[in-house]
């Protein structure tokens, strides 16, 4: 089992490196304009919502946008109230990554990798370099996804993994715990969802179980923001707490509906991994859209919950 676990760790590292390169490429395209957008277009909750969604789709990382938002709140460039809209939008923007992970380009990943690498090394302009980074990152991500799928069945032959799969398939609570723990460990909800897609593609995980892992990943991803807020101002800490509680609330509601969600997703696509990606979009869109009209109430609730009177 040791060699398989080593390969699994390598594929996870390749996935995370791919995510980092895509994030770096997209960020290089936007430059410091991203921070200016966050500060300028967040006066109203709906503006923060749209800005958070666009910013996360650009940098391919809700964690990066959250850390940036917490930093801007800590330095006084953004208020705690403004950050709530950004959080809601960021949750939707993060689903772009899960949809990209389902791309099926066959053997096209290798030309994509080679072409991207050439652009990185010979590109003198920022735009060319950025496109190269994005291409290499996407190729690495797709390569890792294929790796997860190829390892799923060999790993499932081991009693420990087989027992874990059976328990996860039979218990939503275990799926939630796996999603939370794995995401907190690797600091990437996309990596956790990618691993779930690998097992799902080989029919070793049921769609409801994979949805439970996805829901847990939405809570686990909050650990990055909580760590970033340590030692920051009270408002910055409130921003991190809000990210956590909004995700916990959404998961608490939808955890009881994994079966109906799975049946609905099955009508959207015949491919299991695409179904899970669509569930991610639906879950985050429904939760964020439902919460957006109540930003004022959310602000008051968080202030009361964490012992601070509203100014």
Protein backbone atom coordinates (compact mmCIF):
# COMPACT_ATOMS: atom_id res chain seq x y z
CA UNK A 1 0.00 0.00 0.00
CA UNK A 2 3.01 2.26 0.60
CA UNK A 3 3.79 2.87 -3.10
CA UNK A 4 0.13 3.68 -3.82
CA UNK A 5 0.00 6.17 -0.96
CA UNK A 6 3.21 7.73 -2.25
CA UNK A 7 1.66 8.09 -5.72
CA UNK A 8 -1.48 9.51 -4.13
CA UNK A 9 0.62 12.10 -2.29
CA UNK A 10 2.47 12.95 -5.52
CA UNK A 11 -0.77 13.46 -7.44
CA UNK A 12 -2.09 15.64 -4.60
CA UNK A 13 1.10 17.72 -4.73
CA UNK A 14 0.80 18.05 -8.52
CA UNK A 15 -2.81 19.16 -8.10
CA UNK A 16 -1.87 21.80 -5.51
CA UNK A 17 1.04 23.02 -7.66
CA UNK A 18 -1.33 23.28 -10.62
CA UNK A 19 -3.77 25.30 -8.52
CA UNK A 20 -0.94 27.57 -7.39
CA UNK A 21 0.26 28.15 -10.96
CA UNK A 22 -3.25 28.91 -12.21
CA UNK A 23 -3.76 31.30 -9.31
CA UNK A 24 -0.42 32.99 -9.99
CA UNK A 25 -1.21 33.30 -13.69
CA UNK A 26 -4.64 34.83 -13.15
CA UNK A 27 -3.30 37.13 -10.44
CA UNK A 28 -0.51 38.31 -12.74
CA UNK A 29 -3.17 39.26 -15.29
CA UNK A 30 -5.10 41.36 -12.78
CA UNK A 31 -2.07 42.65 -10.84
CA UNK A 32 -2.79 45.02 -7.99
CA UNK A 33 -6.07 45.97 -9.67
CA UNK A 34 -7.70 43.15 -7.73
CA UNK A 35 -7.17 44.93 -4.41
CA UNK A 36 -8.45 48.17 -5.92
CA UNK A 37 -11.57 46.42 -7.15
CA UNK A 38 -12.20 44.97 -3.70
CA UNK A 39 -11.90 48.41 -2.12
CA UNK A 40 -13.76 50.35 -4.78
CA UNK A 41 -16.70 48.16 -5.73
CA UNK A 42 -17.98 47.00 -2.36
CA UNK A 43 -20.02 49.95 -1.11
CA UNK A 44 -23.29 48.01 -1.28
CA UNK A 45 -23.70 44.30 -0.41
CA UNK A 46 -24.65 43.40 -3.99
CA UNK A 47 -21.52 45.17 -5.27
CA UNK A 48 -19.33 43.23 -2.82
CA UNK A 49 -21.15 40.08 -3.90
CA UNK A 50 -20.36 40.60 -7.60
CA UNK A 51 -16.80 41.74 -6.85
CA UNK A 52 -16.10 38.71 -4.64
CA UNK A 53 -17.48 36.38 -7.29
CA UNK A 54 -15.41 37.95 -10.08
CA UNK A 55 -12.23 38.16 -7.99
CA UNK A 56 -12.43 34.50 -6.95
CA UNK A 57 -13.14 33.36 -10.50
CA UNK A 58 -10.07 35.35 -11.60
CA UNK A 59 -7.57 34.02 -9.07
CA UNK A 60 -9.12 30.52 -8.83
CA UNK A 61 -8.92 30.53 -5.04
CA UNK A 62 -11.55 31.56 -2.52
CA UNK A 63 -8.90 31.19 0.21
CA UNK A 64 -6.69 33.78 -1.52
CA UNK A 65 -9.57 36.24 -1.80
CA UNK A 66 -10.51 35.62 1.83
CA UNK A 67 -6.96 36.26 3.05
CA UNK A 68 -6.82 39.43 0.95
CA UNK A 69 -10.21 40.57 2.28
CA UNK A 70 -9.21 39.92 5.89
CA UNK A 71 -6.02 41.90 5.29
CA UNK A 72 -7.97 44.87 3.86
CA UNK A 73 -10.41 44.78 6.78
CA UNK A 74 -7.51 44.59 9.25
CA UNK A 75 -5.93 47.71 7.72
CA UNK A 76 -9.21 49.61 7.65
CA UNK A 77 -9.63 49.75 3.86
CA UNK A 78 -12.79 47.66 4.11
CA UNK A 79 -15.42 47.46 6.84
CA UNK A 80 -16.69 44.22 8.32
CA UNK A 81 -20.08 44.82 6.67
CA UNK A 82 -18.46 45.21 3.23
CA UNK A 83 -16.63 41.91 3.66
CA UNK A 84 -19.89 39.95 4.01
CA UNK A 85 -20.90 40.59 0.41
CA UNK A 86 -17.41 39.58 -0.77
CA UNK A 87 -17.64 36.31 1.19
CA UNK A 88 -20.98 35.43 -0.40
CA UNK A 89 -19.72 36.17 -3.89
CA UNK A 90 -16.44 34.35 -3.27
CA UNK A 91 -18.28 31.13 -2.46
CA UNK A 92 -19.88 31.16 -5.91
CA UNK A 93 -16.69 32.20 -7.70
CA UNK A 94 -14.86 29.20 -6.26
CA UNK A 95 -17.13 26.82 -8.18
CA UNK A 96 -15.43 27.81 -11.46
CA UNK A 97 -12.50 25.63 -10.39
CA UNK A 98 -14.68 22.55 -9.85
CA UNK A 99 -16.17 22.96 -13.31
CA UNK A 100 -12.69 23.28 -14.86
CA UNK A 101 -11.69 20.04 -13.14
CA UNK A 102 -14.28 18.12 -15.16
CA UNK A 103 -12.87 19.13 -18.55
CA UNK A 104 -12.16 16.13 -20.75
CA UNK A 105 -9.51 17.02 -23.30
CA UNK A 106 -8.16 13.49 -23.76
CA UNK A 107 -4.46 13.58 -24.60
CA UNK A 108 -4.59 17.36 -24.95
CA UNK A 109 -3.08 17.87 -21.49
CA UNK A 110 0.43 17.14 -22.78
CA UNK A 111 0.36 19.71 -25.64
CA UNK A 112 -1.25 22.14 -23.18
CA UNK A 113 1.61 21.57 -20.72
CA UNK A 114 4.32 21.94 -23.38
CA UNK A 115 2.72 25.00 -24.96
CA UNK A 116 2.21 26.63 -21.59
CA UNK A 117 5.81 25.93 -20.53
CA UNK A 118 7.12 27.51 -23.73
CA UNK A 119 5.03 30.62 -23.08
CA UNK A 120 6.36 30.82 -19.51
CA UNK A 121 10.02 30.56 -20.53
CA UNK A 122 10.02 32.63 -23.74
CA UNK A 123 7.21 35.08 -23.00
CA UNK A 124 8.61 38.53 -22.30
CA UNK A 125 5.27 40.24 -21.79
CA UNK A 126 3.22 39.74 -18.64
CA UNK A 127 0.16 38.67 -20.63
CA UNK A 128 2.03 35.89 -22.46
CA UNK A 129 3.70 34.72 -19.24
CA UNK A 130 0.34 34.69 -17.43
CA UNK A 131 -1.36 32.64 -20.13
CA UNK A 132 1.53 30.18 -19.99
CA UNK A 133 1.21 29.82 -16.21
CA UNK A 134 -2.53 29.24 -16.49
CA UNK A 135 -2.04 26.61 -19.22
CA UNK A 136 0.63 24.73 -17.24
CA UNK A 137 -1.49 24.88 -14.09
CA UNK A 138 -4.59 23.58 -15.87
CA UNK A 139 -2.58 20.75 -17.47
CA UNK A 140 -1.17 19.77 -14.05
CA UNK A 141 -4.65 19.86 -12.54
CA UNK A 142 -6.11 17.61 -15.26
CA UNK A 143 -3.13 15.24 -15.02
CA UNK A 144 -3.66 14.93 -11.26
CA UNK A 145 -7.38 14.28 -11.77
CA UNK A 146 -6.54 11.36 -14.09
CA UNK A 147 -4.11 10.14 -11.46
CA UNK A 148 -6.75 10.17 -8.72
CA UNK A 149 -9.06 8.10 -10.96
CA UNK A 150 -6.33 5.57 -11.81
CA UNK A 151 -5.47 5.05 -8.13
CA UNK A 152 -9.05 4.77 -6.88
CA UNK A 153 -9.59 1.07 -7.63
CA UNK A 154 -6.13 -0.14 -6.48
CA UNK A 155 -6.55 1.74 -3.22
CA UNK A 156 -10.07 0.34 -2.75
CA UNK A 157 -8.61 -3.20 -2.78
CA UNK A 158 -7.06 -2.56 0.63
CA UNK A 159 -9.36 -3.44 3.58
CA UNK A 160 -8.80 -0.12 5.39
CA UNK A 161 -9.72 1.99 2.35
CA UNK A 162 -12.59 -0.34 1.47
CA UNK A 163 -13.99 -0.02 5.00
CA UNK A 164 -13.64 3.77 4.83
CA UNK A 165 -15.51 3.88 1.51
CA UNK A 166 -18.33 1.71 2.83
CA UNK A 167 -18.71 3.86 5.94
CA UNK A 168 -18.65 7.07 3.90
CA UNK A 169 -21.26 5.70 1.51
CA UNK A 170 -23.53 4.81 4.40
CA UNK A 171 -23.10 7.92 6.59
CA UNK A 172 -23.44 11.59 5.67
CA UNK A 173 -21.74 12.54 8.95
CA UNK A 174 -18.58 10.60 8.05
CA UNK A 175 -18.53 12.20 4.60
CA UNK A 176 -18.77 15.63 6.20
CA UNK A 177 -15.93 14.83 8.60
CA UNK A 178 -13.71 13.53 5.77
CA UNK A 179 -14.34 16.71 3.75
CA UNK A 180 -13.59 18.98 6.71
CA UNK A 181 -10.47 17.14 7.85
CA UNK A 182 -8.91 16.65 4.40
CA UNK A 183 -9.53 20.25 3.36
CA UNK A 184 -8.13 21.61 6.61
CA UNK A 185 -5.05 19.43 6.05
CA UNK A 186 -4.28 20.41 2.42
CA UNK A 187 -5.82 23.93 2.58
CA UNK A 188 -7.69 23.36 -0.68
CA UNK A 189 -11.35 22.45 -1.02
CA UNK A 190 -10.74 21.92 -4.75
CA UNK A 191 -8.17 19.19 -3.99
CA UNK A 192 -10.63 17.43 -1.67
CA UNK A 193 -13.37 17.60 -4.29
CA UNK A 194 -10.91 16.38 -6.93
CA UNK A 195 -10.05 13.32 -4.82
CA UNK A 196 -13.77 12.63 -4.29
CA UNK A 197 -14.30 12.90 -8.05
CA UNK A 198 -11.62 10.26 -8.62
CA UNK A 199 -13.42 7.72 -6.40
CA UNK A 200 -16.78 8.80 -7.77
CA UNK A 201 -15.64 8.30 -11.36
CA UNK A 202 -14.72 4.69 -10.55
CA UNK A 203 -18.11 4.18 -8.83
CA UNK A 204 -16.44 3.54 -5.48
CA UNK A 205 -18.22 6.50 -3.88
CA UNK A 206 -21.92 7.16 -4.30
CA UNK A 207 -22.96 10.63 -5.41
CA UNK A 208 -24.67 11.43 -2.05
CA UNK A 209 -21.44 10.45 -0.24
CA UNK A 210 -19.38 12.64 -2.57
CA UNK A 211 -21.81 15.50 -1.97
CA UNK A 212 -21.33 15.06 1.80
CA UNK A 213 -17.55 15.32 1.30
CA UNK A 214 -18.07 18.42 -0.85
CA UNK A 215 -20.19 20.01 1.89
CA UNK A 216 -17.52 19.22 4.47
CA UNK A 217 -14.89 20.77 2.20
CA UNK A 218 -16.86 24.03 2.26
CA UNK A 219 -16.39 24.14 6.03
CA UNK A 220 -12.78 22.94 6.00
CA UNK A 221 -11.74 25.73 3.63
CA UNK A 222 -12.57 28.27 6.35
CA UNK A 223 -9.47 27.23 8.32
CA UNK A 224 -7.26 29.36 6.06
CA UNK A 225 -9.22 32.53 6.82
CA UNK A 226 -9.29 31.76 10.55
CA UNK A 227 -5.51 31.29 10.59
CA UNK A 228 -5.03 34.53 8.61
CA UNK A 229 -7.10 36.46 11.16
CA UNK A 230 -5.01 35.46 14.18
CA UNK A 231 -3.51 38.57 15.72
CA UNK A 232 -5.54 40.87 13.44
CA UNK A 233 -8.11 43.48 14.39
CA UNK A 234 -11.48 42.52 15.83
CA UNK A 235 -13.25 43.33 12.54
CA UNK A 236 -10.85 41.11 10.62
CA UNK A 237 -11.56 38.26 13.02
CA UNK A 238 -15.29 38.84 12.58
CA UNK A 239 -14.82 38.49 8.83
CA UNK A 240 -13.20 35.07 9.29
CA UNK A 241 -15.94 34.02 11.74
CA UNK A 242 -18.61 35.10 9.26
CA UNK A 243 -17.04 32.99 6.51
CA UNK A 244 -17.14 30.01 8.86
CA UNK A 245 -20.69 30.49 10.14
CA UNK A 246 -22.19 31.14 6.71
CA UNK A 247 -20.68 27.92 5.40
CA UNK A 248 -21.71 25.96 8.50
CA UNK A 249 -25.28 27.25 8.19
CA UNK A 250 -25.49 26.29 4.52
CA UNK A 251 -24.07 22.83 5.16
CA UNK A 252 -26.38 22.29 8.15
CA UNK A 253 -29.40 22.82 5.87
CA UNK A 254 -28.23 20.86 2.84
CA UNK A 255 -26.70 17.93 4.73
CA UNK A 256 -30.23 16.54 5.07
CA UNK A 257 -30.86 16.77 1.33
CA UNK A 258 -27.93 14.92 -0.20
CA UNK A 259 -30.17 12.22 -1.72
CA UNK A 260 -32.62 14.63 -3.45
CA UNK A 261 -29.66 16.77 -4.54
CA UNK A 262 -28.02 13.69 -6.06
CA UNK A 263 -31.19 12.74 -7.95
CA UNK A 264 -31.50 16.25 -9.36
CA UNK A 265 -27.82 16.36 -10.35
CA UNK A 266 -28.21 13.03 -12.16
CA UNK A 267 -30.69 14.74 -14.49
CA UNK A 268 -28.17 17.44 -15.41
CA UNK A 269 -25.37 15.20 -16.71
CA UNK A 270 -24.59 11.49 -17.16
CA UNK A 271 -21.00 11.98 -15.92
CA UNK A 272 -20.62 11.56 -12.11
CA UNK A 273 -17.79 14.11 -11.77
CA UNK A 274 -19.78 16.71 -13.73
CA UNK A 275 -22.78 16.02 -11.51
CA UNK A 276 -20.69 16.76 -8.41
CA UNK A 277 -19.34 19.98 -9.99
CA UNK A 278 -22.89 21.10 -10.77
CA UNK A 279 -23.94 20.35 -7.18
CA UNK A 280 -21.13 22.63 -5.98
CA UNK A 281 -22.46 25.44 -8.19
CA UNK A 282 -26.06 24.91 -7.06
CA UNK A 283 -25.20 24.67 -3.35
CA UNK A 284 -23.07 27.80 -3.24
CA UNK A 285 -25.37 29.82 -5.49
CA UNK A 286 -28.50 28.97 -3.49
CA UNK A 287 -26.82 29.65 -0.12
CA UNK A 288 -25.21 32.94 -1.18
CA UNK A 289 -28.27 34.26 -3.04
CA UNK A 290 -30.51 33.41 -0.07
CA UNK A 291 -28.19 35.18 2.40
CA UNK A 292 -27.49 38.32 0.34
CA UNK A 293 -30.73 40.20 1.24
CA UNK A 294 -30.00 39.67 4.94
CA UNK A 295 -26.49 41.10 5.19
CA UNK A 296 -27.59 43.54 7.93
CA UNK A 297 -29.11 40.74 10.01
CA UNK A 298 -26.02 38.57 9.51
CA UNK A 299 -23.80 41.45 10.61
CA UNK A 300 -25.83 41.98 13.79
CA UNK A 301 -25.92 38.25 14.58
CA UNK A 302 -22.15 37.86 14.22
CA UNK A 303 -21.50 40.94 16.36
CA UNK A 304 -23.76 39.59 19.12
CA UNK A 305 -22.41 36.05 18.87
CA UNK A 306 -18.81 37.21 19.25
CA UNK A 307 -19.41 39.75 21.95
CA UNK A 308 -19.25 43.10 20.23
CA UNK A 309 -21.94 45.76 20.08
CA UNK A 310 -22.92 47.14 16.70
CA UNK A 311 -21.45 50.57 16.04
